[in-house]
N, C-alpha and C. Protein backbone atom coordinates (compact mmCIF):
# COMPACT_ATOMS: atom_id res chain seq x y z
N MET A 1 219.69 39.83 116.04
CA MET A 1 219.09 38.92 115.09
C MET A 1 220.09 37.81 114.77
N ASN A 2 219.63 36.58 114.70
CA ASN A 2 220.49 35.44 114.40
C ASN A 2 220.83 35.47 112.92
N ALA A 3 222.14 35.36 112.62
CA ALA A 3 222.58 35.46 111.23
C ALA A 3 223.78 34.55 110.99
N LEU A 4 223.91 34.13 109.73
CA LEU A 4 225.04 33.31 109.28
C LEU A 4 225.58 33.98 108.03
N THR A 5 226.91 34.09 107.91
CA THR A 5 227.52 34.72 106.74
C THR A 5 228.24 33.66 105.91
N LEU A 6 227.89 33.59 104.62
CA LEU A 6 228.53 32.67 103.67
C LEU A 6 229.42 33.46 102.74
N GLN A 7 230.56 32.86 102.36
CA GLN A 7 231.47 33.49 101.42
C GLN A 7 231.89 32.45 100.40
N TRP A 8 231.95 32.81 99.12
CA TRP A 8 232.35 31.88 98.06
C TRP A 8 232.82 32.67 96.86
N GLN A 9 233.34 31.94 95.86
CA GLN A 9 233.78 32.56 94.63
C GLN A 9 232.90 32.03 93.51
N ASP A 10 232.38 32.94 92.68
CA ASP A 10 231.52 32.55 91.56
C ASP A 10 231.93 33.38 90.35
N SER A 11 232.23 32.71 89.25
CA SER A 11 232.67 33.38 88.00
C SER A 11 233.86 34.31 88.27
N GLY A 12 234.78 33.85 89.11
CA GLY A 12 235.99 34.62 89.40
C GLY A 12 235.79 35.78 90.36
N GLN A 13 234.59 35.97 90.89
CA GLN A 13 234.33 37.08 91.81
C GLN A 13 234.04 36.55 93.21
N GLN A 14 234.57 37.27 94.20
CA GLN A 14 234.31 36.92 95.60
C GLN A 14 232.90 37.36 95.96
N ARG A 15 232.10 36.46 96.51
CA ARG A 15 230.72 36.77 96.90
C ARG A 15 230.55 36.55 98.40
N LYS A 16 229.59 37.30 98.97
CA LYS A 16 229.32 37.19 100.41
C LYS A 16 227.83 37.40 100.60
N GLN A 17 227.19 36.59 101.45
CA GLN A 17 225.75 36.69 101.68
C GLN A 17 225.46 36.39 103.13
N GLN A 18 224.61 37.22 103.75
CA GLN A 18 224.16 36.93 105.10
C GLN A 18 222.80 36.25 105.03
N ILE A 19 222.62 35.24 105.88
CA ILE A 19 221.36 34.52 105.98
C ILE A 19 220.82 34.78 107.37
N TYR A 20 219.58 35.30 107.43
CA TYR A 20 218.97 35.64 108.71
C TYR A 20 217.91 34.60 109.09
N GLU A 21 217.63 34.52 110.38
CA GLU A 21 216.66 33.55 110.90
C GLU A 21 215.30 33.68 110.24
N GLN A 22 214.74 34.86 110.15
CA GLN A 22 213.40 35.07 109.59
C GLN A 22 213.46 35.79 108.25
N GLN A 23 214.45 35.48 107.43
CA GLN A 23 214.65 36.16 106.16
C GLN A 23 213.56 35.80 105.15
N PRO A 24 212.98 36.79 104.47
CA PRO A 24 212.02 36.47 103.41
C PRO A 24 212.73 35.65 102.32
N SER A 25 212.09 34.58 101.86
CA SER A 25 212.73 33.73 100.87
C SER A 25 211.66 33.04 100.01
N LYS A 26 212.12 32.29 99.01
CA LYS A 26 211.20 31.60 98.10
C LYS A 26 210.56 30.39 98.78
N ASN A 27 211.17 29.89 99.84
CA ASN A 27 210.60 28.80 100.65
C ASN A 27 210.67 29.28 102.09
N PRO A 28 209.59 29.89 102.63
CA PRO A 28 209.65 30.52 103.96
C PRO A 28 210.29 29.63 105.02
N GLY A 29 211.20 30.25 105.80
CA GLY A 29 211.88 29.54 106.87
C GLY A 29 213.22 28.98 106.46
N THR A 30 213.50 28.94 105.15
CA THR A 30 214.78 28.41 104.69
C THR A 30 215.34 29.33 103.60
N VAL A 31 216.65 29.23 103.37
CA VAL A 31 217.29 29.90 102.24
C VAL A 31 217.85 28.78 101.37
N ARG A 32 217.36 28.71 100.13
CA ARG A 32 217.76 27.64 99.22
C ARG A 32 218.89 28.10 98.31
N ILE A 33 219.82 27.16 98.06
CA ILE A 33 221.00 27.45 97.25
C ILE A 33 221.05 26.45 96.10
N GLY A 34 221.32 26.96 94.90
CA GLY A 34 221.45 26.11 93.72
C GLY A 34 221.58 26.96 92.47
N ARG A 35 221.43 26.32 91.30
CA ARG A 35 221.59 27.02 90.02
C ARG A 35 220.30 27.65 89.51
N ASP A 36 219.13 27.18 89.96
CA ASP A 36 217.84 27.62 89.42
C ASP A 36 217.39 28.93 90.08
N PRO A 37 217.38 30.05 89.34
CA PRO A 37 216.99 31.33 89.95
C PRO A 37 215.51 31.39 90.34
N LEU A 38 214.67 30.51 89.79
CA LEU A 38 213.24 30.52 90.13
C LEU A 38 212.99 29.86 91.48
N ARG A 39 213.84 28.92 91.89
CA ARG A 39 213.61 28.20 93.13
C ARG A 39 214.63 28.53 94.22
N CYS A 40 215.72 29.20 93.87
CA CYS A 40 216.81 29.42 94.84
C CYS A 40 216.93 30.90 95.22
N ASP A 41 217.33 31.12 96.48
CA ASP A 41 217.56 32.47 96.99
C ASP A 41 219.01 32.90 96.74
N ILE A 42 219.93 31.93 96.79
CA ILE A 42 221.32 32.18 96.45
C ILE A 42 221.60 31.35 95.20
N VAL A 43 221.89 32.01 94.08
CA VAL A 43 222.07 31.34 92.79
C VAL A 43 223.55 31.24 92.47
N LEU A 44 224.00 30.00 92.22
CA LEU A 44 225.38 29.74 91.82
C LEU A 44 225.37 29.36 90.33
N THR A 45 226.37 29.82 89.57
CA THR A 45 226.36 29.59 88.12
C THR A 45 227.14 28.36 87.70
N ASN A 46 227.94 27.78 88.57
CA ASN A 46 228.77 26.63 88.21
C ASN A 46 227.88 25.45 87.80
N PRO A 47 228.16 24.81 86.63
CA PRO A 47 227.32 23.71 86.15
C PRO A 47 227.37 22.44 87.01
N THR A 48 228.33 22.34 87.95
CA THR A 48 228.38 21.15 88.82
C THR A 48 227.43 21.28 90.01
N VAL A 49 226.80 22.46 90.16
CA VAL A 49 225.82 22.69 91.23
C VAL A 49 224.45 22.29 90.69
N SER A 50 223.65 21.57 91.50
CA SER A 50 222.31 21.17 91.09
C SER A 50 221.39 22.39 91.02
N GLY A 51 220.30 22.25 90.26
CA GLY A 51 219.32 23.34 90.15
C GLY A 51 218.80 23.76 91.51
N LEU A 52 218.44 22.80 92.35
CA LEU A 52 218.03 23.03 93.74
C LEU A 52 218.89 22.09 94.57
N HIS A 53 219.91 22.62 95.25
CA HIS A 53 220.94 21.76 95.85
C HIS A 53 220.76 21.58 97.36
N VAL A 54 220.78 22.68 98.12
CA VAL A 54 220.68 22.61 99.59
C VAL A 54 219.83 23.77 100.10
N GLU A 55 219.44 23.67 101.37
CA GLU A 55 218.80 24.81 102.03
C GLU A 55 219.42 24.97 103.40
N ILE A 56 219.47 26.21 103.86
CA ILE A 56 220.01 26.54 105.18
C ILE A 56 218.87 27.16 105.97
N PHE A 57 218.73 26.74 107.24
CA PHE A 57 217.66 27.27 108.07
C PHE A 57 218.13 27.35 109.51
N PHE A 58 217.43 28.16 110.31
CA PHE A 58 217.75 28.32 111.73
C PHE A 58 216.76 27.50 112.54
N HIS A 59 217.29 26.68 113.45
CA HIS A 59 216.45 25.84 114.31
C HIS A 59 216.35 26.56 115.66
N PRO A 60 215.18 27.17 116.00
CA PRO A 60 215.10 27.98 117.21
C PRO A 60 215.33 27.22 118.51
N GLN A 61 214.86 25.95 118.59
CA GLN A 61 215.06 25.19 119.84
C GLN A 61 216.55 24.87 120.04
N GLN A 62 217.25 24.55 118.96
CA GLN A 62 218.67 24.21 119.05
C GLN A 62 219.57 25.46 119.03
N GLN A 63 218.98 26.62 118.65
CA GLN A 63 219.73 27.87 118.52
C GLN A 63 220.95 27.67 117.60
N THR A 64 220.70 27.01 116.46
CA THR A 64 221.77 26.65 115.53
C THR A 64 221.26 26.75 114.10
N PHE A 65 222.16 27.13 113.17
CA PHE A 65 221.84 27.05 111.74
C PHE A 65 222.17 25.65 111.25
N TYR A 66 221.31 25.13 110.38
CA TYR A 66 221.49 23.79 109.80
C TYR A 66 221.50 23.89 108.29
N ILE A 67 222.15 22.90 107.66
CA ILE A 67 222.11 22.74 106.21
C ILE A 67 221.39 21.43 105.92
N ARG A 68 220.51 21.44 104.90
CA ARG A 68 219.76 20.23 104.53
C ARG A 68 220.01 19.95 103.05
N ASN A 69 220.31 18.68 102.72
CA ASN A 69 220.51 18.26 101.35
C ASN A 69 219.16 18.14 100.65
N LEU A 70 219.04 18.71 99.45
CA LEU A 70 217.82 18.59 98.66
C LEU A 70 218.04 17.79 97.38
N ARG A 71 219.25 17.26 97.19
CA ARG A 71 219.57 16.58 95.93
C ARG A 71 220.38 15.33 96.23
N SER A 72 219.72 14.17 96.39
CA SER A 72 220.40 12.92 96.75
C SER A 72 221.51 12.51 95.78
N PRO A 73 221.28 12.57 94.43
CA PRO A 73 222.34 12.12 93.52
C PRO A 73 223.59 12.99 93.53
N ASN A 74 223.50 14.21 94.04
CA ASN A 74 224.65 15.14 94.04
C ASN A 74 224.79 15.73 95.43
N PRO A 75 225.14 14.88 96.46
CA PRO A 75 225.15 15.38 97.84
C PRO A 75 226.25 16.39 98.09
N PRO A 76 225.97 17.36 98.97
CA PRO A 76 227.01 18.32 99.33
C PRO A 76 228.03 17.66 100.26
N LEU A 77 229.19 18.25 100.31
CA LEU A 77 230.23 17.84 101.26
C LEU A 77 230.25 18.93 102.33
N VAL A 78 229.99 18.57 103.59
CA VAL A 78 229.98 19.55 104.68
C VAL A 78 231.07 19.15 105.65
N ASP A 79 232.08 20.02 105.78
CA ASP A 79 233.23 19.76 106.64
C ASP A 79 233.86 18.39 106.32
N GLY A 80 233.97 18.09 105.03
CA GLY A 80 234.65 16.86 104.59
C GLY A 80 233.79 15.62 104.60
N GLN A 81 232.52 15.71 104.98
CA GLN A 81 231.65 14.54 105.02
C GLN A 81 230.46 14.74 104.10
N GLN A 82 230.13 13.68 103.33
CA GLN A 82 228.97 13.75 102.45
C GLN A 82 227.69 13.81 103.27
N LEU A 83 226.80 14.72 102.90
CA LEU A 83 225.49 14.83 103.54
C LEU A 83 224.48 14.28 102.54
N ILE A 84 224.28 12.95 102.59
CA ILE A 84 223.42 12.30 101.60
C ILE A 84 221.96 12.60 101.87
N GLN A 85 221.54 12.55 103.13
CA GLN A 85 220.16 12.92 103.47
C GLN A 85 220.13 13.54 104.86
N GLY A 86 219.02 14.21 105.15
CA GLY A 86 218.89 14.84 106.46
C GLY A 86 219.59 16.18 106.51
N GLU A 87 219.96 16.59 107.71
CA GLU A 87 220.59 17.88 107.89
C GLU A 87 221.74 17.79 108.87
N LYS A 88 222.55 18.85 108.87
CA LYS A 88 223.76 18.87 109.70
C LYS A 88 223.92 20.31 110.23
N PRO A 89 224.30 20.46 111.52
CA PRO A 89 224.52 21.81 112.04
C PRO A 89 225.74 22.46 111.39
N LEU A 90 225.68 23.77 111.23
CA LEU A 90 226.80 24.52 110.67
C LEU A 90 227.49 25.31 111.78
N ASN A 91 228.80 25.43 111.69
CA ASN A 91 229.58 26.18 112.67
C ASN A 91 230.37 27.25 111.94
N GLN A 92 230.87 28.22 112.69
CA GLN A 92 231.75 29.21 112.09
C GLN A 92 232.97 28.46 111.58
N GLY A 93 233.34 28.69 110.31
CA GLY A 93 234.48 27.99 109.71
C GLY A 93 234.07 26.77 108.92
N SER A 94 232.78 26.35 108.98
CA SER A 94 232.33 25.19 108.21
C SER A 94 232.57 25.43 106.72
N ILE A 95 232.99 24.36 106.02
CA ILE A 95 233.22 24.41 104.58
C ILE A 95 232.16 23.54 103.91
N ILE A 96 231.49 24.11 102.91
CA ILE A 96 230.44 23.40 102.17
C ILE A 96 230.88 23.33 100.71
N HIS A 97 230.92 22.12 100.15
CA HIS A 97 231.20 21.95 98.73
C HIS A 97 229.91 21.55 98.03
N LEU A 98 229.46 22.38 97.08
CA LEU A 98 228.34 22.04 96.22
C LEU A 98 228.94 21.85 94.83
N GLY A 99 229.07 20.58 94.40
CA GLY A 99 229.80 20.32 93.16
C GLY A 99 231.22 20.83 93.34
N GLN A 100 231.65 21.71 92.44
CA GLN A 100 233.01 22.26 92.54
C GLN A 100 233.06 23.62 93.22
N VAL A 101 231.94 24.09 93.73
CA VAL A 101 231.91 25.39 94.41
C VAL A 101 232.11 25.19 95.91
N LYS A 102 233.06 25.96 96.46
CA LYS A 102 233.36 25.89 97.89
C LYS A 102 232.80 27.13 98.56
N LEU A 103 231.89 26.90 99.53
CA LEU A 103 231.32 27.99 100.33
C LEU A 103 231.86 27.85 101.75
N GLN A 104 232.14 28.97 102.38
CA GLN A 104 232.63 28.93 103.76
C GLN A 104 231.74 29.78 104.65
N VAL A 105 231.43 29.23 105.84
CA VAL A 105 230.69 29.98 106.85
C VAL A 105 231.74 30.83 107.58
N THR A 106 231.70 32.15 107.31
CA THR A 106 232.73 33.02 107.89
C THR A 106 232.31 33.63 109.23
N ALA A 107 230.99 33.65 109.49
CA ALA A 107 230.51 34.21 110.77
C ALA A 107 229.13 33.66 111.10
N ILE A 108 228.90 33.45 112.38
CA ILE A 108 227.57 33.09 112.87
C ILE A 108 227.31 33.97 114.09
N THR A 109 226.17 34.67 114.08
CA THR A 109 225.78 35.51 115.20
C THR A 109 224.49 34.96 115.78
N ILE A 110 224.54 34.49 117.02
CA ILE A 110 223.36 34.00 117.72
C ILE A 110 223.11 34.96 118.88
N ASN A 111 221.94 35.59 118.88
CA ASN A 111 221.62 36.55 119.94
C ASN A 111 220.96 35.83 121.10
N THR A 112 221.69 35.72 122.17
CA THR A 112 221.09 35.22 123.41
C THR A 112 221.05 36.40 124.35
N ILE A 113 219.88 36.73 124.82
CA ILE A 113 219.71 37.91 125.67
C ILE A 113 219.83 37.48 127.12
N PRO A 114 220.88 37.92 127.82
CA PRO A 114 221.04 37.53 129.22
C PRO A 114 220.00 38.23 130.10
N ALA A 115 219.62 37.57 131.17
CA ALA A 115 218.70 38.17 132.13
C ALA A 115 219.43 39.31 132.84
N THR A 116 218.78 40.44 132.97
CA THR A 116 219.39 41.61 133.57
C THR A 116 218.51 42.12 134.71
N ILE A 117 219.13 42.44 135.83
CA ILE A 117 218.40 43.04 136.95
C ILE A 117 218.76 44.52 136.94
N LEU A 118 217.75 45.35 136.79
CA LEU A 118 217.99 46.78 136.75
C LEU A 118 217.65 47.38 138.11
N ALA A 119 218.57 48.20 138.62
CA ALA A 119 218.33 48.89 139.89
C ALA A 119 218.55 50.38 139.63
N PRO A 120 217.74 51.24 140.26
CA PRO A 120 217.93 52.68 140.04
C PRO A 120 219.29 53.12 140.59
N PRO A 121 219.92 54.10 139.95
CA PRO A 121 221.23 54.56 140.45
C PRO A 121 221.07 55.20 141.83
N GLN A 122 222.04 54.98 142.69
CA GLN A 122 222.02 55.53 144.04
C GLN A 122 223.02 56.70 144.10
N PRO A 123 222.65 57.76 144.81
CA PRO A 123 223.60 58.88 144.91
C PRO A 123 224.80 58.47 145.76
N PRO A 124 225.99 58.96 145.38
CA PRO A 124 227.18 58.60 146.17
C PRO A 124 227.15 59.22 147.56
N ILE A 125 227.66 58.49 148.55
CA ILE A 125 227.78 58.99 149.92
C ILE A 125 229.27 59.13 150.21
N ASN A 126 229.68 60.34 150.59
CA ASN A 126 231.09 60.64 150.85
C ASN A 126 231.98 60.22 149.68
N GLY A 127 231.46 60.43 148.44
CA GLY A 127 232.27 60.12 147.26
C GLY A 127 232.31 58.65 146.88
N GLN A 128 231.65 57.77 147.66
CA GLN A 128 231.67 56.35 147.34
C GLN A 128 230.29 55.92 146.85
N GLN A 129 230.29 55.13 145.80
CA GLN A 129 229.05 54.63 145.22
C GLN A 129 228.50 53.48 146.08
N ILE A 130 227.23 53.53 146.40
CA ILE A 130 226.58 52.47 147.18
C ILE A 130 225.82 51.58 146.20
N ILE A 131 226.10 50.31 146.25
CA ILE A 131 225.40 49.35 145.39
C ILE A 131 224.42 48.59 146.28
N PRO A 132 223.13 48.75 146.01
CA PRO A 132 222.15 48.09 146.88
C PRO A 132 222.18 46.58 146.68
N PRO A 133 221.90 45.83 147.74
CA PRO A 133 221.86 44.37 147.58
C PRO A 133 220.63 43.99 146.77
N VAL A 134 220.73 42.89 146.05
CA VAL A 134 219.60 42.39 145.28
C VAL A 134 218.70 41.63 146.24
N ARG A 135 217.45 42.07 146.32
CA ARG A 135 216.50 41.42 147.24
C ARG A 135 215.68 40.41 146.46
N GLN A 136 215.56 39.22 147.04
CA GLN A 136 214.73 38.20 146.42
C GLN A 136 213.38 38.19 147.10
N GLN A 137 212.34 38.06 146.28
CA GLN A 137 210.99 37.99 146.82
C GLN A 137 210.76 36.58 147.37
N PRO A 138 210.09 36.49 148.54
CA PRO A 138 209.82 35.15 149.07
C PRO A 138 208.84 34.41 148.14
N THR A 139 209.03 33.12 148.03
CA THR A 139 208.16 32.31 147.19
C THR A 139 206.90 31.97 147.96
N PRO A 140 205.73 32.30 147.40
CA PRO A 140 204.49 31.99 148.12
C PRO A 140 204.27 30.47 148.14
N PRO A 141 203.58 29.97 149.18
CA PRO A 141 203.33 28.54 149.23
C PRO A 141 202.43 28.12 148.06
N PRO A 142 202.58 26.89 147.58
CA PRO A 142 201.76 26.46 146.44
C PRO A 142 200.29 26.36 146.85
N ILE A 143 199.43 26.69 145.91
CA ILE A 143 197.99 26.60 146.14
C ILE A 143 197.51 25.33 145.46
N HIS A 144 196.83 24.48 146.20
CA HIS A 144 196.37 23.22 145.65
C HIS A 144 194.89 23.35 145.28
N HIS A 145 194.60 23.16 144.01
CA HIS A 145 193.23 23.15 143.53
C HIS A 145 192.86 21.71 143.19
N HIS A 146 191.64 21.36 143.44
CA HIS A 146 191.19 20.00 143.12
C HIS A 146 190.25 20.07 141.92
N HIS A 147 190.83 20.28 140.75
CA HIS A 147 190.07 20.33 139.51
C HIS A 147 190.42 19.09 138.69
N PRO A 148 189.50 18.60 137.89
CA PRO A 148 189.86 17.48 137.02
C PRO A 148 190.95 17.91 136.04
N THR A 149 191.86 17.01 135.76
CA THR A 149 192.97 17.31 134.87
C THR A 149 192.46 17.34 133.43
N PRO A 150 192.70 18.46 132.72
CA PRO A 150 192.27 18.51 131.32
C PRO A 150 193.14 17.55 130.49
N PRO A 151 192.63 17.12 129.34
CA PRO A 151 193.45 16.24 128.50
C PRO A 151 194.70 16.99 128.03
N PRO A 152 195.80 16.28 127.81
CA PRO A 152 197.03 16.96 127.37
C PRO A 152 196.82 17.59 125.99
N LYS A 153 197.48 18.73 125.80
CA LYS A 153 197.38 19.41 124.50
C LYS A 153 198.33 18.74 123.53
N MET A 154 197.83 18.48 122.34
CA MET A 154 198.64 17.83 121.30
C MET A 154 198.88 18.86 120.20
N TYR A 155 200.10 18.91 119.74
CA TYR A 155 200.45 19.84 118.68
C TYR A 155 200.90 19.09 117.45
N GLY A 156 200.71 19.72 116.30
CA GLY A 156 201.15 19.17 115.03
C GLY A 156 201.76 20.29 114.20
N LEU A 157 202.30 19.93 113.04
CA LEU A 157 202.93 20.89 112.15
C LEU A 157 202.11 21.00 110.87
N GLU A 158 201.69 22.23 110.54
CA GLU A 158 200.93 22.44 109.31
C GLU A 158 201.91 22.75 108.18
N CYS A 159 201.91 21.91 107.15
CA CYS A 159 202.82 22.06 106.01
C CYS A 159 202.56 23.41 105.33
N PRO A 160 203.63 24.20 105.05
CA PRO A 160 203.43 25.50 104.40
C PRO A 160 202.97 25.37 102.95
N LYS A 161 203.09 24.16 102.35
CA LYS A 161 202.70 23.99 100.96
C LYS A 161 201.31 23.35 100.82
N CYS A 162 201.12 22.14 101.39
CA CYS A 162 199.85 21.42 101.20
C CYS A 162 198.88 21.62 102.37
N HIS A 163 199.34 22.26 103.45
CA HIS A 163 198.52 22.62 104.62
C HIS A 163 197.97 21.41 105.37
N ARG A 164 198.54 20.24 105.17
CA ARG A 164 198.13 19.08 105.97
C ARG A 164 198.91 19.11 107.28
N VAL A 165 198.32 18.56 108.33
CA VAL A 165 198.95 18.60 109.66
C VAL A 165 199.55 17.23 109.94
N SER A 166 200.85 17.24 110.27
CA SER A 166 201.54 15.99 110.62
C SER A 166 202.13 16.12 112.01
N SER A 167 202.66 15.02 112.54
CA SER A 167 203.20 15.03 113.90
C SER A 167 204.53 15.77 113.96
N LEU A 168 204.91 16.19 115.18
CA LEU A 168 206.14 16.96 115.39
C LEU A 168 207.39 16.17 114.99
N GLU A 169 207.30 14.82 115.01
CA GLU A 169 208.46 14.00 114.65
C GLU A 169 208.90 14.24 113.20
N ASN A 170 207.99 14.75 112.36
CA ASN A 170 208.30 14.96 110.95
C ASN A 170 209.07 16.25 110.70
N LEU A 171 209.39 17.02 111.75
CA LEU A 171 210.11 18.28 111.58
C LEU A 171 211.43 18.06 110.85
N GLN A 172 212.17 17.01 111.23
CA GLN A 172 213.47 16.75 110.62
C GLN A 172 213.35 16.10 109.24
N ILE A 173 212.24 15.40 108.99
CA ILE A 173 212.08 14.60 107.77
C ILE A 173 211.44 15.39 106.65
N GLY A 174 210.39 16.15 106.99
CA GLY A 174 209.64 16.89 105.98
C GLY A 174 208.22 16.38 105.94
N CYS A 175 207.39 17.04 105.15
CA CYS A 175 205.97 16.69 105.03
C CYS A 175 205.84 15.29 104.43
N PRO A 176 205.11 14.37 105.10
CA PRO A 176 204.98 13.02 104.57
C PRO A 176 204.13 12.96 103.29
N TRP A 177 203.37 14.03 102.99
CA TRP A 177 202.51 14.01 101.81
C TRP A 177 203.18 14.64 100.60
N CYS A 178 203.81 15.82 100.78
CA CYS A 178 204.38 16.49 99.59
C CYS A 178 205.89 16.66 99.67
N GLY A 179 206.52 16.30 100.81
CA GLY A 179 207.98 16.35 100.92
C GLY A 179 208.56 17.71 101.23
N THR A 180 207.73 18.73 101.42
CA THR A 180 208.21 20.08 101.71
C THR A 180 208.86 20.13 103.09
N SER A 181 209.91 20.95 103.20
CA SER A 181 210.57 21.15 104.50
C SER A 181 209.57 21.72 105.49
N LEU A 182 209.59 21.18 106.72
CA LEU A 182 208.69 21.68 107.76
C LEU A 182 209.38 22.69 108.67
N ALA A 183 210.57 23.18 108.26
CA ALA A 183 211.29 24.17 109.07
C ALA A 183 210.45 25.44 109.22
N ALA A 184 209.60 25.74 108.22
CA ALA A 184 208.77 26.94 108.28
C ALA A 184 207.33 26.60 108.62
N ALA A 185 207.07 25.37 109.05
CA ALA A 185 205.70 24.95 109.34
C ALA A 185 205.15 25.70 110.54
N VAL A 186 203.84 25.87 110.54
CA VAL A 186 203.15 26.51 111.65
C VAL A 186 202.75 25.42 112.64
N SER A 187 203.00 25.65 113.91
CA SER A 187 202.59 24.71 114.96
C SER A 187 201.12 24.94 115.24
N VAL A 188 200.32 23.86 115.18
CA VAL A 188 198.88 23.98 115.39
C VAL A 188 198.44 23.03 116.48
N LEU A 189 197.35 23.41 117.17
CA LEU A 189 196.78 22.58 118.22
C LEU A 189 195.88 21.56 117.55
N VAL A 190 196.07 20.28 117.89
CA VAL A 190 195.27 19.20 117.30
C VAL A 190 194.24 18.77 118.34
N ALA A 191 192.98 18.69 117.93
CA ALA A 191 191.91 18.29 118.86
C ALA A 191 192.13 16.84 119.30
N PRO A 192 192.01 16.54 120.63
CA PRO A 192 192.21 15.17 121.08
C PRO A 192 191.11 14.25 120.54
N ASN A 193 191.48 12.99 120.32
CA ASN A 193 190.53 12.02 119.75
C ASN A 193 189.48 11.64 120.76
């Protein structure tokens, strides 16, 4: 499972939290960080942190965790750079400043499953193990069908809050109607015009 580990100090105590790709949260698809316990999954008590400050989410196509600023007047500092709007990828060792609170990404685990070829074990001959060669199947010749080409399939993103469907380009920006993050949006098929 893809996971990111955050570590910080709050009220003099060392805190640690893992964020998972499909973690249940108050805003599905993201983990929100700030002072407001009603809107945030990770609550910080320092008064320099905004009520709803940032959110962290996993981008499956990029296979990377990202941080997104949710508070323009009080932007976070990510690896020494202000993140005024939009989002930025996080790496192991990334430092995030929310007001006077310093959070550090101490670990990132991305599960990439390598392709594996399984072969049944072969009995040893004269004490030596025989490893069979990997056989490739011949590729059949292409079959040509003369069917009319169907119209291309168009996809959109259904906002998890207002349920309106917008174009895929809005994934990074958010819902054009209500501003909700589309990181948790459902991909839907849009009927061609």
